[in-house]
Amino acid sequence: MPRYAAQLLQGTVSTAYKSLGALQTGGTTRRIGIYEIVFGLAGALNTTNDTQVLPDVSRFTSTSLITGTAFTPNPLDGADPASLATFNNNLTSEPAAIAAAGSGLSMLNPALNQRGTFRWRALDDGDNIIIPNTALNGVAVRALSLSYTGTAIGTIMYIE
């Protein structure tokens, strides 16, 4: 199965959840298995206090493709075909199904210090976060902070 990596990016973290990236199925997409997510902060630190950032990984179902900056995921093996999934980072609008915190769709929600990095990795293929081969299903990686307003970045790695 081909493996891919895509860049998570959100230019400005705010007090409301903003997505760094959304991996979404299309009509011809294979089933997707997310096996690694890395998340960190790249902007200037909040120097007036030691602040926290709350990343979130949530499922969503949409009625249309998500809007943001289109990003072509890179195959980890150059001989693999292009990914069939749709990926956008720096989303301009949140998927409606997960726009509110506490929607029940969250799968990972760790608190993170602004100086820290978060990494989640499936222990084996049976632990992957699976996106079914159903049109417009997906997973979004989001973040919020009460006082950090810089850039959040990361990588999401998956198999099709």
N, C-alpha and C. Protein backbone atom coordinates (compact mmCIF):
# COMPACT_ATOMS: atom_id res chain seq x y z
N MET A 1 0.83 -1.17 0.00
CA MET A 1 0.00 0.00 0.00
C MET A 1 0.89 1.24 0.00
N PRO A 2 0.58 2.21 -0.86
CA PRO A 2 1.38 3.43 -0.90
C PRO A 2 1.22 4.26 0.38
N ARG A 3 2.31 4.92 0.77
CA ARG A 3 2.32 5.78 1.96
C ARG A 3 2.60 7.21 1.53
N TYR A 4 1.95 8.16 2.22
CA TYR A 4 2.03 9.56 1.85
C TYR A 4 2.26 10.44 3.08
N ALA A 5 2.81 11.63 2.84
CA ALA A 5 2.98 12.64 3.88
C ALA A 5 2.43 13.95 3.37
N ALA A 6 1.73 14.68 4.25
CA ALA A 6 1.19 15.99 3.90
C ALA A 6 1.49 16.98 5.01
N GLN A 7 1.73 18.22 4.64
CA GLN A 7 2.10 19.25 5.60
C GLN A 7 0.87 19.89 6.23
N LEU A 8 0.85 19.88 7.56
CA LEU A 8 -0.17 20.60 8.31
C LEU A 8 0.32 22.04 8.49
N LEU A 9 -0.56 23.01 8.33
CA LEU A 9 -0.17 24.41 8.49
C LEU A 9 -1.38 25.26 8.83
N GLN A 10 -1.24 26.08 9.85
CA GLN A 10 -2.23 27.12 10.17
C GLN A 10 -1.45 28.37 10.50
N GLY A 11 -1.64 29.41 9.69
CA GLY A 11 -0.87 30.63 9.83
C GLY A 11 -1.09 31.38 11.13
N THR A 12 -2.31 31.33 11.66
CA THR A 12 -2.61 32.07 12.88
C THR A 12 -3.52 31.26 13.78
N VAL A 13 -2.99 30.78 14.89
CA VAL A 13 -3.79 30.08 15.90
C VAL A 13 -4.61 31.14 16.63
N SER A 14 -5.86 30.81 16.98
CA SER A 14 -6.71 31.76 17.68
C SER A 14 -7.44 31.08 18.83
N THR A 15 -8.38 31.79 19.44
CA THR A 15 -9.13 31.25 20.58
C THR A 15 -10.23 30.30 20.15
N ALA A 16 -10.49 30.21 18.85
CA ALA A 16 -11.44 29.24 18.31
C ALA A 16 -10.64 28.21 17.51
N TYR A 17 -11.15 26.99 17.43
CA TYR A 17 -10.45 25.98 16.65
C TYR A 17 -10.29 26.43 15.20
N LYS A 18 -9.07 26.27 14.68
CA LYS A 18 -8.76 26.51 13.27
C LYS A 18 -7.98 25.30 12.78
N SER A 19 -8.35 24.80 11.61
CA SER A 19 -7.73 23.57 11.10
C SER A 19 -6.40 23.82 10.43
N LEU A 20 -5.43 22.97 10.78
CA LEU A 20 -4.13 22.96 10.14
C LEU A 20 -4.19 22.15 8.86
N GLY A 21 -5.11 21.21 8.79
CA GLY A 21 -5.22 20.38 7.61
C GLY A 21 -6.42 19.46 7.70
N ALA A 22 -6.94 19.10 6.53
CA ALA A 22 -8.06 18.17 6.44
C ALA A 22 -7.77 17.18 5.32
N LEU A 23 -7.79 15.92 5.66
CA LEU A 23 -7.60 14.83 4.71
C LEU A 23 -8.98 14.27 4.43
N GLN A 24 -9.38 14.28 3.16
CA GLN A 24 -10.76 13.97 2.81
C GLN A 24 -10.82 13.02 1.63
N THR A 25 -11.80 12.11 1.67
CA THR A 25 -11.98 11.17 0.57
C THR A 25 -12.76 11.80 -0.56
N GLY A 26 -12.55 11.29 -1.74
CA GLY A 26 -13.33 11.67 -2.91
C GLY A 26 -14.06 10.43 -3.40
N GLY A 27 -14.71 10.53 -4.53
CA GLY A 27 -15.49 9.41 -5.04
C GLY A 27 -14.66 8.19 -5.41
N THR A 28 -13.39 8.38 -5.80
CA THR A 28 -12.56 7.26 -6.23
C THR A 28 -11.44 6.94 -5.25
N THR A 29 -11.48 7.53 -4.08
CA THR A 29 -10.39 7.33 -3.12
C THR A 29 -10.43 5.95 -2.51
N ARG A 30 -9.26 5.43 -2.27
CA ARG A 30 -9.14 4.19 -1.52
C ARG A 30 -9.37 4.49 -0.05
N ARG A 31 -9.58 3.47 0.72
CA ARG A 31 -9.67 3.63 2.17
C ARG A 31 -8.36 4.19 2.69
N ILE A 32 -8.41 5.13 3.65
CA ILE A 32 -7.22 5.81 4.16
C ILE A 32 -6.95 5.37 5.59
N GLY A 33 -5.70 5.09 5.88
CA GLY A 33 -5.29 4.73 7.25
C GLY A 33 -4.21 5.70 7.73
N ILE A 34 -4.56 6.60 8.64
CA ILE A 34 -3.59 7.55 9.19
C ILE A 34 -2.77 6.81 10.24
N TYR A 35 -1.45 6.88 10.11
CA TYR A 35 -0.61 6.18 11.07
C TYR A 35 0.33 7.08 11.86
N GLU A 36 0.43 8.37 11.49
CA GLU A 36 1.27 9.26 12.28
C GLU A 36 0.83 10.71 12.10
N ILE A 37 0.82 11.44 13.22
CA ILE A 37 0.53 12.87 13.22
C ILE A 37 1.56 13.55 14.12
N VAL A 38 2.23 14.56 13.59
CA VAL A 38 3.20 15.35 14.35
C VAL A 38 2.71 16.79 14.33
N PHE A 39 2.72 17.45 15.49
CA PHE A 39 2.18 18.79 15.61
C PHE A 39 3.09 19.64 16.48
N GLY A 40 3.36 20.87 16.05
CA GLY A 40 4.17 21.79 16.86
C GLY A 40 3.91 23.22 16.46
N LEU A 41 4.64 24.13 17.07
CA LEU A 41 4.44 25.56 16.84
C LEU A 41 5.72 26.16 16.29
N ALA A 42 5.58 27.05 15.31
CA ALA A 42 6.76 27.60 14.66
C ALA A 42 6.86 29.11 14.80
N GLY A 43 5.83 29.75 15.31
CA GLY A 43 5.84 31.20 15.45
C GLY A 43 6.55 31.64 16.71
N ALA A 44 6.60 32.96 16.88
CA ALA A 44 7.22 33.53 18.08
C ALA A 44 6.43 33.11 19.32
N LEU A 45 7.15 32.76 20.37
CA LEU A 45 6.51 32.35 21.61
C LEU A 45 5.80 33.52 22.27
N ASN A 46 4.75 33.23 23.00
CA ASN A 46 4.09 34.24 23.81
C ASN A 46 5.02 34.51 24.99
N THR A 47 5.62 35.68 25.05
CA THR A 47 6.65 35.96 26.06
C THR A 47 6.08 36.47 27.38
N THR A 48 4.81 36.84 27.41
CA THR A 48 4.25 37.37 28.65
C THR A 48 3.79 36.29 29.60
N ASN A 49 3.54 35.12 29.10
CA ASN A 49 3.19 33.98 29.97
C ASN A 49 3.48 32.67 29.25
N ASP A 50 3.56 31.62 30.01
CA ASP A 50 3.78 30.29 29.46
C ASP A 50 2.41 29.74 29.09
N THR A 51 2.10 29.67 27.84
CA THR A 51 0.74 29.37 27.41
C THR A 51 0.59 27.95 26.88
N GLN A 52 -0.65 27.53 26.78
CA GLN A 52 -0.98 26.19 26.30
C GLN A 52 -1.68 26.28 24.94
N VAL A 53 -1.52 25.22 24.17
CA VAL A 53 -2.21 25.08 22.89
C VAL A 53 -2.94 23.75 22.94
N LEU A 54 -4.14 23.71 22.40
CA LEU A 54 -4.93 22.49 22.43
C LEU A 54 -5.15 21.97 21.01
N PRO A 55 -4.35 20.99 20.59
CA PRO A 55 -4.59 20.36 19.29
C PRO A 55 -5.79 19.41 19.38
N ASP A 56 -6.37 19.13 18.25
CA ASP A 56 -7.53 18.24 18.20
C ASP A 56 -7.52 17.51 16.87
N VAL A 57 -7.82 16.23 16.90
CA VAL A 57 -7.96 15.43 15.68
C VAL A 57 -9.38 14.89 15.69
N SER A 58 -10.18 15.31 14.71
CA SER A 58 -11.60 14.94 14.68
C SER A 58 -12.02 14.43 13.32
N ARG A 59 -13.00 13.53 13.34
CA ARG A 59 -13.65 13.05 12.12
C ARG A 59 -14.67 14.08 11.64
N PHE A 60 -14.95 14.06 10.36
CA PHE A 60 -16.04 14.88 9.85
C PHE A 60 -16.62 14.24 8.60
N THR A 61 -17.85 14.58 8.32
CA THR A 61 -18.52 14.27 7.06
C THR A 61 -19.04 15.59 6.53
N SER A 62 -18.79 15.86 5.28
CA SER A 62 -19.16 17.14 4.70
C SER A 62 -20.05 16.92 3.49
N THR A 63 -20.71 17.97 3.06
CA THR A 63 -21.52 17.88 1.85
C THR A 63 -20.75 18.37 0.63
N SER A 64 -19.53 18.89 0.87
CA SER A 64 -18.70 19.36 -0.25
C SER A 64 -17.23 19.26 0.17
N LEU A 65 -16.35 19.46 -0.78
CA LEU A 65 -14.93 19.44 -0.46
C LEU A 65 -14.59 20.62 0.44
N ILE A 66 -13.66 20.41 1.35
CA ILE A 66 -13.23 21.43 2.30
C ILE A 66 -12.44 22.51 1.56
N THR A 67 -12.54 23.77 2.03
CA THR A 67 -11.81 24.85 1.38
C THR A 67 -10.58 25.24 2.21
N GLY A 68 -9.51 25.45 1.53
CA GLY A 68 -8.24 25.83 2.14
C GLY A 68 -7.19 25.87 1.04
N THR A 69 -5.95 25.79 1.44
CA THR A 69 -4.87 25.76 0.47
C THR A 69 -4.66 24.32 0.02
N ALA A 70 -4.90 24.05 -1.25
CA ALA A 70 -4.73 22.70 -1.77
C ALA A 70 -3.26 22.30 -1.66
N PHE A 71 -3.03 21.08 -1.22
CA PHE A 71 -1.68 20.58 -1.03
C PHE A 71 -1.64 19.17 -1.60
N THR A 72 -0.66 18.88 -2.43
CA THR A 72 -0.52 17.54 -2.98
C THR A 72 0.37 16.72 -2.06
N PRO A 73 -0.21 15.70 -1.40
CA PRO A 73 0.61 14.85 -0.52
C PRO A 73 1.73 14.17 -1.29
N ASN A 74 2.87 14.04 -0.64
CA ASN A 74 4.05 13.44 -1.27
C ASN A 74 4.10 11.94 -0.99
N PRO A 75 4.28 11.13 -2.03
CA PRO A 75 4.48 9.70 -1.77
C PRO A 75 5.84 9.50 -1.10
N LEU A 76 5.90 8.63 -0.09
CA LEU A 76 7.16 8.37 0.59
C LEU A 76 8.10 7.55 -0.29
N ASP A 77 7.54 6.78 -1.21
CA ASP A 77 8.33 6.05 -2.21
C ASP A 77 8.05 6.74 -3.55
N GLY A 78 9.06 7.29 -4.16
CA GLY A 78 8.89 8.02 -5.41
C GLY A 78 8.26 7.21 -6.53
N ALA A 79 8.25 5.90 -6.42
CA ALA A 79 7.67 5.05 -7.46
C ALA A 79 6.16 4.85 -7.25
N ASP A 80 5.61 5.29 -6.11
CA ASP A 80 4.18 5.12 -5.85
C ASP A 80 3.37 6.15 -6.64
N PRO A 81 2.10 5.81 -6.92
CA PRO A 81 1.25 6.75 -7.66
C PRO A 81 0.84 7.93 -6.78
N ALA A 82 0.29 8.96 -7.40
CA ALA A 82 -0.21 10.12 -6.64
C ALA A 82 -1.36 9.69 -5.74
N SER A 83 -1.49 10.36 -4.63
CA SER A 83 -2.58 10.09 -3.69
C SER A 83 -3.92 10.44 -4.33
N LEU A 84 -4.93 9.63 -4.05
CA LEU A 84 -6.27 9.91 -4.54
C LEU A 84 -7.07 10.77 -3.55
N ALA A 85 -6.59 10.88 -2.34
CA ALA A 85 -7.28 11.68 -1.32
C ALA A 85 -7.11 13.17 -1.62
N THR A 86 -8.00 13.96 -1.09
CA THR A 86 -7.91 15.42 -1.18
C THR A 86 -7.36 15.94 0.13
N PHE A 87 -6.37 16.83 0.06
CA PHE A 87 -5.80 17.40 1.28
C PHE A 87 -5.71 18.91 1.13
N ASN A 88 -6.15 19.61 2.15
CA ASN A 88 -6.04 21.07 2.23
C ASN A 88 -5.44 21.44 3.56
N ASN A 89 -4.55 22.43 3.58
CA ASN A 89 -4.08 22.95 4.85
C ASN A 89 -4.46 24.41 4.95
N ASN A 90 -4.22 25.01 6.13
CA ASN A 90 -4.56 26.42 6.37
C ASN A 90 -6.01 26.69 5.98
N LEU A 91 -6.93 25.87 6.51
CA LEU A 91 -8.34 25.95 6.11
C LEU A 91 -8.93 27.34 6.33
N THR A 92 -9.76 27.77 5.39
CA THR A 92 -10.41 29.08 5.49
C THR A 92 -11.77 28.99 6.17
N SER A 93 -12.35 27.81 6.23
CA SER A 93 -13.58 27.59 6.99
C SER A 93 -13.54 26.19 7.57
N GLU A 94 -14.10 26.06 8.74
CA GLU A 94 -14.07 24.78 9.44
C GLU A 94 -15.16 23.85 8.92
N PRO A 95 -14.89 22.54 8.89
CA PRO A 95 -15.96 21.60 8.54
C PRO A 95 -17.11 21.78 9.53
N ALA A 96 -18.32 21.94 9.03
CA ALA A 96 -19.48 22.26 9.88
C ALA A 96 -19.70 21.23 10.98
N ALA A 97 -19.47 19.96 10.69
CA ALA A 97 -19.75 18.91 11.67
C ALA A 97 -18.87 19.01 12.91
N ILE A 98 -17.70 19.64 12.80
CA ILE A 98 -16.80 19.71 13.95
C ILE A 98 -16.48 21.13 14.36
N ALA A 99 -17.23 22.11 13.86
CA ALA A 99 -16.93 23.51 14.15
C ALA A 99 -16.99 23.81 15.64
N ALA A 100 -17.86 23.16 16.36
CA ALA A 100 -17.98 23.40 17.79
C ALA A 100 -17.15 22.38 18.57
N ALA A 101 -16.48 22.84 19.61
CA ALA A 101 -15.73 21.91 20.47
C ALA A 101 -16.72 21.01 21.19
N GLY A 102 -16.29 19.79 21.47
CA GLY A 102 -17.15 18.86 22.21
C GLY A 102 -18.23 18.23 21.35
N SER A 103 -18.01 18.16 20.04
CA SER A 103 -19.02 17.58 19.15
C SER A 103 -19.07 16.07 19.24
N GLY A 104 -18.15 15.46 19.95
CA GLY A 104 -18.13 14.01 20.09
C GLY A 104 -17.37 13.30 19.00
N LEU A 105 -16.80 14.05 18.05
CA LEU A 105 -16.08 13.45 16.94
C LEU A 105 -14.57 13.45 17.15
N SER A 106 -14.11 14.00 18.27
CA SER A 106 -12.68 14.10 18.55
C SER A 106 -12.10 12.73 18.90
N MET A 107 -10.93 12.43 18.31
CA MET A 107 -10.24 11.18 18.60
C MET A 107 -8.98 11.40 19.41
N LEU A 108 -8.32 12.55 19.22
CA LEU A 108 -7.13 12.92 19.98
C LEU A 108 -7.29 14.37 20.40
N ASN A 109 -7.01 14.65 21.67
CA ASN A 109 -7.20 16.00 22.17
C ASN A 109 -6.23 16.28 23.32
N PRO A 110 -4.91 16.23 23.05
CA PRO A 110 -3.93 16.43 24.11
C PRO A 110 -3.62 17.91 24.34
N ALA A 111 -3.44 18.31 25.59
CA ALA A 111 -2.98 19.67 25.88
C ALA A 111 -1.48 19.74 25.61
N LEU A 112 -1.01 20.88 25.11
CA LEU A 112 0.37 21.01 24.70
C LEU A 112 0.90 22.37 25.11
N ASN A 113 2.09 22.41 25.72
CA ASN A 113 2.75 23.67 26.03
C ASN A 113 3.27 24.28 24.74
N GLN A 114 3.31 25.61 24.67
CA GLN A 114 3.76 26.28 23.45
C GLN A 114 5.17 25.89 23.03
N ARG A 115 5.97 25.37 23.94
CA ARG A 115 7.33 24.96 23.60
C ARG A 115 7.43 23.48 23.25
N GLY A 116 6.30 22.78 23.32
CA GLY A 116 6.32 21.33 23.12
C GLY A 116 5.95 20.92 21.72
N THR A 117 6.14 19.65 21.45
CA THR A 117 5.75 19.02 20.19
C THR A 117 4.94 17.78 20.54
N PHE A 118 3.90 17.53 19.78
CA PHE A 118 3.05 16.37 20.00
C PHE A 118 3.25 15.40 18.84
N ARG A 119 3.38 14.11 19.17
CA ARG A 119 3.49 13.09 18.14
C ARG A 119 2.61 11.92 18.53
N TRP A 120 1.73 11.53 17.60
CA TRP A 120 0.93 10.33 17.76
C TRP A 120 1.30 9.39 16.65
N ARG A 121 1.51 8.11 17.01
CA ARG A 121 1.84 7.10 16.01
C ARG A 121 1.10 5.82 16.35
N ALA A 122 0.47 5.22 15.35
CA ALA A 122 -0.20 3.94 15.55
C ALA A 122 0.85 2.88 15.89
N LEU A 123 0.53 2.04 16.85
CA LEU A 123 1.48 1.00 17.24
C LEU A 123 1.67 -0.03 16.13
N ASP A 124 0.61 -0.35 15.42
CA ASP A 124 0.70 -1.24 14.26
C ASP A 124 -0.46 -0.89 13.33
N ASP A 125 -0.57 -1.56 12.19
CA ASP A 125 -1.59 -1.22 11.21
C ASP A 125 -3.02 -1.35 11.75
N GLY A 126 -3.24 -2.17 12.75
CA GLY A 126 -4.57 -2.31 13.33
C GLY A 126 -4.98 -1.12 14.17
N ASP A 127 -4.04 -0.23 14.48
CA ASP A 127 -4.33 0.95 15.31
C ASP A 127 -4.48 2.23 14.50
N ASN A 128 -4.43 2.14 13.18
CA ASN A 128 -4.55 3.33 12.34
C ASN A 128 -5.90 4.01 12.54
N ILE A 129 -5.94 5.31 12.31
CA ILE A 129 -7.21 6.03 12.24
C ILE A 129 -7.71 5.84 10.82
N ILE A 130 -8.84 5.19 10.66
CA ILE A 130 -9.35 4.81 9.34
C ILE A 130 -10.40 5.82 8.85
N ILE A 131 -10.23 6.26 7.62
CA ILE A 131 -11.25 7.06 6.94
C ILE A 131 -11.86 6.12 5.90
N PRO A 132 -13.16 5.84 6.00
CA PRO A 132 -13.77 4.89 5.06
C PRO A 132 -13.80 5.44 3.64
N ASN A 133 -13.91 4.54 2.70
CA ASN A 133 -14.01 4.92 1.29
C ASN A 133 -15.44 5.36 1.00
N THR A 134 -15.84 6.41 1.67
CA THR A 134 -17.16 7.02 1.50
C THR A 134 -16.94 8.47 1.16
N ALA A 135 -17.53 8.94 0.09
CA ALA A 135 -17.28 10.31 -0.38
C ALA A 135 -17.46 11.35 0.71
N LEU A 136 -16.49 12.27 0.77
CA LEU A 136 -16.50 13.45 1.63
C LEU A 136 -16.37 13.17 3.12
N ASN A 137 -15.91 11.98 3.49
CA ASN A 137 -15.54 11.70 4.87
C ASN A 137 -14.10 12.14 5.06
N GLY A 138 -13.73 12.52 6.27
CA GLY A 138 -12.36 12.94 6.47
C GLY A 138 -11.98 13.09 7.92
N VAL A 139 -10.75 13.54 8.10
CA VAL A 139 -10.19 13.82 9.42
C VAL A 139 -9.51 15.18 9.33
N ALA A 140 -9.76 16.02 10.33
CA ALA A 140 -9.13 17.34 10.40
C ALA A 140 -8.25 17.42 11.64
N VAL A 141 -7.12 18.10 11.51
CA VAL A 141 -6.24 18.39 12.64
C VAL A 141 -6.39 19.88 12.90
N ARG A 142 -6.80 20.24 14.13
CA ARG A 142 -7.11 21.61 14.48
C ARG A 142 -6.34 22.04 15.72
N ALA A 143 -6.37 23.33 16.01
CA ALA A 143 -5.72 23.84 17.22
C ALA A 143 -6.40 25.12 17.68
N LEU A 144 -6.31 25.36 18.99
CA LEU A 144 -6.74 26.63 19.56
C LEU A 144 -5.84 26.96 20.73
N SER A 145 -5.81 28.24 21.10
CA SER A 145 -5.06 28.70 22.26
C SER A 145 -5.67 30.00 22.76
N LEU A 146 -5.64 30.20 24.06
CA LEU A 146 -6.15 31.44 24.62
C LEU A 146 -5.20 32.60 24.42
N SER A 147 -3.88 32.32 24.25
CA SER A 147 -2.95 33.44 24.12
C SER A 147 -1.83 33.26 23.10
N TYR A 148 -1.66 32.09 22.52
CA TYR A 148 -0.67 31.90 21.46
C TYR A 148 -1.34 32.24 20.13
N THR A 149 -0.73 33.12 19.33
CA THR A 149 -1.34 33.53 18.06
C THR A 149 -0.41 33.30 16.86
N GLY A 150 0.63 32.52 17.04
CA GLY A 150 1.58 32.28 15.97
C GLY A 150 1.15 31.15 15.04
N THR A 151 2.14 30.57 14.37
CA THR A 151 1.93 29.53 13.37
C THR A 151 2.00 28.15 14.00
N ALA A 152 1.11 27.27 13.57
CA ALA A 152 1.15 25.86 13.96
C ALA A 152 1.46 25.05 12.71
N ILE A 153 2.33 24.07 12.86
CA ILE A 153 2.74 23.24 11.72
C ILE A 153 2.78 21.78 12.13
N GLY A 154 2.95 20.92 11.16
CA GLY A 154 3.09 19.51 11.44
C GLY A 154 3.05 18.68 10.18
N THR A 155 2.91 17.38 10.38
CA THR A 155 2.86 16.43 9.28
C THR A 155 1.83 15.36 9.61
N ILE A 156 1.07 14.96 8.60
CA ILE A 156 0.18 13.82 8.75
C ILE A 156 0.64 12.78 7.73
N MET A 157 0.77 11.53 8.19
CA MET A 157 1.24 10.45 7.31
C MET A 157 0.16 9.38 7.26
N TYR A 158 -0.06 8.86 6.04
CA TYR A 158 -1.15 7.90 5.87
C TYR A 158 -0.87 6.93 4.73
N ILE A 159 -1.67 5.87 4.71
CA ILE A 159 -1.60 4.88 3.64
C ILE A 159 -2.94 4.85 2.91
N GLU A 160 -2.90 4.50 1.65
CA GLU A 160 -4.15 4.31 0.88
C GLU A 160 -4.15 2.89 0.36
